[in-house]
Amino acid sequence: MDKPKYLLFLGCAIPYRLPSYEISTRKVLRKLGVELVEMPDFNCCGFPTDPVSHDTMLTLAARNLCLAEQRNLNIVALCNGCFGILNHVNKELKEDKEVKEKVNGYLKEIGMEFKGTVTVKHLIHVLAEDVGLEKIKETVQKPLSQLRVVQHSGCHVNRPRKYIGLEDPENPTILKKLIEVTGAECLEYMDEPECCGAPILGVDEKIPLQLTRDKLDHVKAVGAQAMITVCPYCHIMYDLNQPRIERAFNEKFGIPVLHYPQLLGLAMGITPDKLALKDLRVDATEIVNVSSQ
């Protein structure tokens, strides 16, 4: 059986703000036999432009899809927002002839044409579907059986159900199963599927910070030692903004927030330095200590 091979779509936020997500992803996928092909000529997925110009969003996303078609490779995205937009546009253009013709009119000006020959997956879908839980379990050298964590899968990896439809957005289980493969216990907590608030951070800081604070409070209430994310923007809200939230609300959480590949990497026996755990804003020393026991 040929090993999975994907065109890696990094998006905008990860290379500039969260290289730890990319670094840890590359480490674990290499161990799992997933080949990543670079995509140096990609552009923004289009998500930020949608409120201003829907056609611009469609065209930006379609250009990325065309790049994948030219290489005859499917796309794997690490960002929920990038996955959501690329997957949405890919399906819309395949199903709506009028929209496809309109977008291809724009693409023709740069010598491209959307044909609809590739698919788009998020990292967790590649892990769960293409690699498989059993194969991942075989790579676990240091089961994290002493660790209690919670998941935050985010919104766009599950919503809207019309374009994704892989699991119940109100009860997502793919990330939970991937967490449990590492040996860690995945706890349930209040308002688990709620948004982190990141999409409205640029409009009104008070609401998203309150949403994030409430989520952290619920996580703390169940005694979780860490939160596990698979979206850069969710990670920014819970990790990078956690000290800011603590100051704003005069509370102390101290909850480490790990990218899922960092958690899996620890279970695989990859050293914390190689997984860029030092790049996390909230100190993860306790998690590292638990993983080494």
Protein backbone atom coordinates (compact mmCIF):
# COMPACT_ATOMS: atom_id res chain seq x y z
CA MET A 1 0.00 0.00 0.00
CA ASP A 2 1.34 3.42 -0.99
CA LYS A 3 1.98 5.79 1.87
CA PRO A 4 -0.32 8.84 2.11
CA LYS A 5 1.00 11.87 0.23
CA TYR A 6 -0.41 15.37 0.60
CA LEU A 7 0.25 18.92 -0.48
CA LEU A 8 0.75 20.85 2.76
CA PHE A 9 -1.30 24.03 3.07
CA LEU A 10 0.12 26.05 5.97
CA GLY A 11 -2.00 29.17 5.69
CA CYS A 12 -1.01 32.57 7.04
CA ALA A 13 -1.03 32.33 10.84
CA ILE A 14 1.03 29.18 11.42
CA PRO A 15 4.33 30.16 9.75
CA TYR A 16 4.38 33.58 11.40
CA ARG A 17 2.77 33.03 14.80
CA LEU A 18 2.74 29.30 15.61
CA PRO A 19 5.68 27.50 13.99
CA SER A 20 5.44 24.99 16.86
CA TYR A 21 2.31 23.56 15.22
CA GLU A 22 4.11 23.04 11.90
CA ILE A 23 7.27 21.66 13.53
CA SER A 24 5.43 19.08 15.65
CA THR A 25 3.16 18.09 12.74
CA ARG A 26 6.11 17.37 10.48
CA LYS A 27 7.77 15.26 13.20
CA VAL A 28 4.78 13.00 13.86
CA LEU A 29 3.69 12.63 10.23
CA ARG A 30 7.21 11.58 9.27
CA LYS A 31 7.04 8.82 11.90
CA LEU A 32 3.64 7.77 10.58
CA GLY A 33 4.83 7.55 6.99
CA VAL A 34 2.80 10.47 5.65
CA GLU A 35 4.67 12.38 2.94
CA LEU A 36 4.22 16.14 2.80
CA VAL A 37 4.89 18.05 -0.41
CA GLU A 38 5.69 21.75 -0.09
CA MET A 39 3.38 24.40 -1.51
CA PRO A 40 5.56 27.54 -1.66
CA ASP A 41 3.32 29.40 -4.11
CA PHE A 42 0.10 29.21 -2.11
CA ASN A 43 -1.90 32.33 -1.26
CA CYS A 44 -4.28 33.12 1.61
CA CYS A 45 -7.19 30.66 1.74
CA GLY A 46 -9.57 33.59 1.30
CA PHE A 47 -11.34 33.41 4.65
CA PRO A 48 -10.59 37.01 5.77
CA THR A 49 -11.91 38.49 2.50
CA ASP A 50 -15.34 36.84 2.54
CA PRO A 51 -17.17 39.61 4.46
CA VAL A 52 -15.87 42.16 1.95
CA SER A 53 -16.04 40.23 -1.34
CA HIS A 54 -17.41 36.71 -1.63
CA ASP A 55 -16.08 36.41 -5.18
CA THR A 56 -12.58 37.31 -3.99
CA MET A 57 -12.76 34.58 -1.36
CA LEU A 58 -13.93 32.05 -3.94
CA THR A 59 -11.15 32.97 -6.36
CA LEU A 60 -8.37 32.96 -3.78
CA ALA A 61 -9.45 29.52 -2.55
CA ALA A 62 -9.89 28.24 -6.09
CA ARG A 63 -6.36 29.30 -7.03
CA ASN A 64 -4.98 27.15 -4.21
CA LEU A 65 -7.11 24.25 -5.37
CA CYS A 66 -5.78 24.70 -8.91
CA LEU A 67 -2.21 24.49 -7.61
CA ALA A 68 -3.08 21.15 -6.03
CA GLU A 69 -4.73 19.95 -9.23
CA GLN A 70 -1.61 20.85 -11.21
CA ARG A 71 0.39 18.55 -8.91
CA ASN A 72 -2.36 15.91 -8.81
CA LEU A 73 -2.22 15.94 -5.01
CA ASN A 74 -4.88 16.34 -2.36
CA ILE A 75 -4.47 19.07 0.26
CA VAL A 76 -3.95 18.70 3.99
CA ALA A 77 -4.58 21.84 6.03
CA LEU A 78 -3.52 22.39 9.65
CA CYS A 79 -5.78 25.40 10.21
CA ASN A 80 -9.51 24.91 10.80
CA GLY A 81 -10.35 28.12 8.95
CA CYS A 82 -8.21 27.22 5.94
CA PHE A 83 -9.66 23.73 5.84
CA GLY A 84 -13.20 25.05 6.16
CA ILE A 85 -12.88 27.53 3.31
CA LEU A 86 -10.91 25.31 0.92
CA ASN A 87 -13.22 22.36 1.52
CA HIS A 88 -16.32 24.54 1.19
CA VAL A 89 -15.20 26.19 -2.07
CA ASN A 90 -14.01 22.88 -3.51
CA LYS A 91 -17.44 21.32 -2.98
CA GLU A 92 -19.37 24.42 -4.06
CA LEU A 93 -17.51 24.72 -7.34
CA LYS A 94 -17.91 21.01 -8.02
CA GLU A 95 -21.67 21.17 -7.39
CA ASP A 96 -22.65 24.60 -8.77
CA LYS A 97 -21.93 24.98 -12.48
CA GLU A 98 -22.74 28.70 -12.59
CA VAL A 99 -20.39 29.56 -9.72
CA LYS A 100 -17.67 27.38 -11.24
CA GLU A 101 -17.96 29.16 -14.59
CA LYS A 102 -17.82 32.58 -12.92
CA VAL A 103 -14.74 31.71 -10.86
CA ASN A 104 -13.04 30.11 -13.85
CA GLY A 105 -13.60 33.39 -15.67
CA TYR A 106 -11.48 35.12 -13.04
CA LEU A 107 -8.89 32.33 -13.02
CA LYS A 108 -8.55 32.44 -16.80
CA GLU A 109 -6.87 35.84 -16.43
CA ILE A 110 -3.95 34.14 -14.65
CA GLY A 111 -3.90 31.06 -16.86
CA MET A 112 -5.70 28.72 -14.47
CA GLU A 113 -8.85 26.60 -14.51
CA PHE A 114 -10.62 24.82 -11.66
CA LYS A 115 -11.45 21.24 -12.67
CA GLY A 116 -12.51 19.64 -9.39
CA THR A 117 -10.08 16.74 -9.24
CA VAL A 118 -8.73 17.00 -5.66
CA THR A 119 -10.01 16.79 -2.10
CA VAL A 120 -9.17 18.78 1.03
CA LYS A 121 -8.64 17.28 4.46
CA HIS A 122 -7.75 18.62 7.88
CA LEU A 123 -4.84 17.07 9.73
CA ILE A 124 -7.14 15.14 12.08
CA HIS A 125 -8.96 13.58 9.12
CA VAL A 126 -5.68 12.40 7.60
CA LEU A 127 -4.67 10.90 10.94
CA ALA A 128 -7.99 9.22 11.65
CA GLU A 129 -8.89 8.08 8.12
CA ASP A 130 -5.68 7.63 6.14
CA VAL A 131 -3.26 6.59 8.88
CA GLY A 132 -5.79 5.03 11.23
CA LEU A 133 -6.01 4.78 15.00
CA GLU A 134 -4.43 1.33 15.15
CA LYS A 135 -1.32 2.38 13.25
CA ILE A 136 -0.97 5.48 15.40
CA LYS A 137 -1.28 3.33 18.51
CA GLU A 138 1.57 1.13 17.26
CA THR A 139 3.90 4.15 17.28
CA VAL A 140 3.14 5.06 20.91
CA GLN A 141 6.24 4.26 22.98
CA LYS A 142 5.36 6.21 26.12
CA PRO A 143 1.61 5.99 26.81
CA LEU A 144 0.41 9.14 28.60
CA SER A 145 -1.78 7.19 30.99
CA GLN A 146 -1.16 9.59 33.88
CA LEU A 147 -2.41 12.58 31.91
CA ARG A 148 -5.92 14.07 32.00
CA VAL A 149 -6.70 16.53 29.22
CA VAL A 150 -9.61 18.10 27.36
CA GLN A 151 -10.17 18.62 23.66
CA HIS A 152 -11.07 21.78 21.81
CA SER A 153 -11.60 20.84 18.18
CA GLY A 154 -12.86 24.29 17.17
CA CYS A 155 -15.68 25.27 14.84
CA HIS A 156 -14.61 25.13 11.20
CA VAL A 157 -13.31 21.56 11.27
CA ASN A 158 -16.91 20.43 11.89
CA ARG A 159 -19.14 23.28 10.73
CA PRO A 160 -21.14 23.79 8.61
CA ARG A 161 -22.29 20.19 8.59
CA LYS A 162 -23.59 20.64 5.00
CA TYR A 163 -20.05 20.87 3.64
CA ILE A 164 -18.20 18.59 6.07
CA GLY A 165 -20.59 16.09 7.62
CA LEU A 166 -17.94 13.86 9.16
CA GLU A 167 -19.19 14.09 12.74
CA ASP A 168 -21.75 15.82 14.95
CA PRO A 169 -20.60 19.44 15.47
CA GLU A 170 -22.24 19.41 18.89
CA ASN A 171 -20.46 16.23 19.94
CA PRO A 172 -17.19 15.94 18.01
CA THR A 173 -15.30 12.71 18.66
CA ILE A 174 -12.47 12.46 16.09
CA LEU A 175 -9.99 14.51 18.11
CA LYS A 176 -11.08 12.77 21.32
CA LYS A 177 -10.29 9.36 19.80
CA LEU A 178 -6.92 10.63 18.59
CA ILE A 179 -6.16 11.89 22.10
CA GLU A 180 -7.14 8.58 23.69
CA VAL A 181 -4.79 6.69 21.36
CA THR A 182 -1.89 8.42 23.16
CA GLY A 183 -3.05 6.87 26.44
CA ALA A 184 -4.24 10.18 27.88
CA GLU A 185 -7.72 10.47 29.37
CA CYS A 186 -9.93 12.97 27.54
CA LEU A 187 -12.33 14.59 29.99
CA GLU A 188 -15.68 16.15 29.18
CA TYR A 189 -16.51 19.67 30.33
CA MET A 190 -19.29 22.23 30.15
CA ASP A 191 -19.87 23.99 26.80
CA GLU A 192 -17.19 21.84 25.14
CA PRO A 193 -18.22 22.56 21.51
CA GLU A 194 -18.52 26.33 22.03
CA CYS A 195 -16.44 28.76 19.92
CA CYS A 196 -13.20 30.20 21.31
CA GLY A 197 -14.25 33.69 20.18
CA ALA A 198 -11.31 34.37 17.84
CA PRO A 199 -13.41 35.38 14.79
CA ILE A 200 -14.66 38.53 16.53
CA LEU A 201 -11.44 39.51 18.29
CA GLY A 202 -10.79 42.29 15.79
CA VAL A 203 -14.27 43.75 16.29
CA ASP A 204 -14.77 43.60 20.05
CA GLU A 205 -12.12 42.25 22.44
CA LYS A 206 -14.40 41.97 25.47
CA ILE A 207 -16.69 39.26 24.10
CA PRO A 208 -14.05 36.78 22.83
CA LEU A 209 -11.90 37.21 25.94
CA GLN A 210 -14.96 36.51 28.08
CA LEU A 211 -15.78 33.42 25.98
CA THR A 212 -12.22 32.15 26.35
CA ARG A 213 -12.20 32.90 30.07
CA ASP A 214 -15.44 30.94 30.55
CA LYS A 215 -14.03 27.99 28.63
CA LEU A 216 -10.83 27.97 30.69
CA ASP A 217 -12.93 28.12 33.86
CA HIS A 218 -14.89 25.05 32.77
CA VAL A 219 -11.68 23.21 31.89
CA LYS A 220 -10.19 24.04 35.28
CA ALA A 221 -13.37 22.84 37.02
CA VAL A 222 -12.94 19.25 35.75
CA GLY A 223 -9.29 19.09 36.80
CA ALA A 224 -7.73 18.87 33.34
CA GLN A 225 -3.95 19.18 33.19
CA ALA A 226 -3.94 20.50 29.63
CA MET A 227 -6.09 21.51 26.68
CA ILE A 228 -5.46 20.03 23.23
CA THR A 229 -6.12 22.09 20.09
CA VAL A 230 -5.91 21.56 16.32
CA CYS A 231 -6.52 25.14 15.16
CA PRO A 232 -4.00 28.01 15.28
CA TYR A 233 -6.59 30.64 16.13
CA CYS A 234 -8.11 28.58 18.94
CA HIS A 235 -4.58 27.97 20.20
CA ILE A 236 -3.82 31.69 20.15
CA MET A 237 -6.93 32.40 22.22
CA TYR A 238 -6.23 29.75 24.87
CA ASP A 239 -2.43 29.82 25.03
CA LEU A 240 -1.08 33.18 23.86
CA ASN A 241 -3.99 35.14 25.34
CA GLN A 242 -4.26 33.16 28.59
CA PRO A 243 -1.94 35.47 30.59
CA ARG A 244 -3.84 38.45 29.22
CA ILE A 245 -7.14 36.93 30.31
CA GLU A 246 -5.73 36.18 33.75
CA ARG A 247 -4.79 39.84 34.15
CA ALA A 248 -8.11 41.12 32.82
CA PHE A 249 -10.23 38.95 35.11
CA ASN A 250 -7.82 38.75 38.04
CA GLU A 251 -7.79 34.94 37.90
CA LYS A 252 -5.12 32.28 37.56
CA PHE A 253 -5.59 29.31 35.24
CA GLY A 254 -2.12 28.08 34.30
CA ILE A 255 -3.55 25.53 31.86
CA PRO A 256 -1.00 24.40 29.24
CA VAL A 257 -2.42 24.30 25.71
CA LEU A 258 -0.77 21.81 23.36
CA HIS A 259 -1.19 21.29 19.64
CA TYR A 260 -2.36 17.71 19.12
CA PRO A 261 0.86 16.73 17.29
CA GLN A 262 2.81 17.82 20.38
CA LEU A 263 0.76 15.47 22.55
CA LEU A 264 1.12 12.62 20.08
CA GLY A 265 4.82 13.33 19.68
CA LEU A 266 5.40 13.00 23.43
CA ALA A 267 3.61 9.64 23.38
CA MET A 268 5.82 8.59 20.46
CA GLY A 269 8.90 9.35 22.51
CA ILE A 270 9.94 12.47 20.60
CA THR A 271 11.78 14.91 22.86
CA PRO A 272 10.02 18.10 23.99
CA ASP A 273 12.63 20.29 22.29
CA LYS A 274 12.01 18.67 18.92
CA LEU A 275 8.28 19.28 19.39
CA ALA A 276 8.87 22.97 20.20
CA LEU A 277 7.08 22.78 23.53
CA LYS A 278 9.21 25.67 24.78
CA ASP A 279 7.39 27.91 22.30
CA LEU A 280 4.15 27.62 24.26
CA ARG A 281 3.19 30.71 26.24
CA VAL A 282 1.79 28.75 29.20
CA ASP A 283 4.50 26.59 30.78
CA ALA A 284 4.07 22.90 29.93
CA THR A 285 6.76 21.51 32.25
CA GLU A 286 4.21 19.47 34.20
CA ILE A 287 3.03 17.77 30.99
CA VAL A 288 6.62 17.01 29.99
CA ASN A 289 7.28 15.52 33.44
CA VAL A 290 4.18 13.34 33.25
CA SER A 291 5.14 12.11 29.78
CA SER A 292 8.59 11.06 30.98
CA GLN A 293 7.30 8.89 33.83
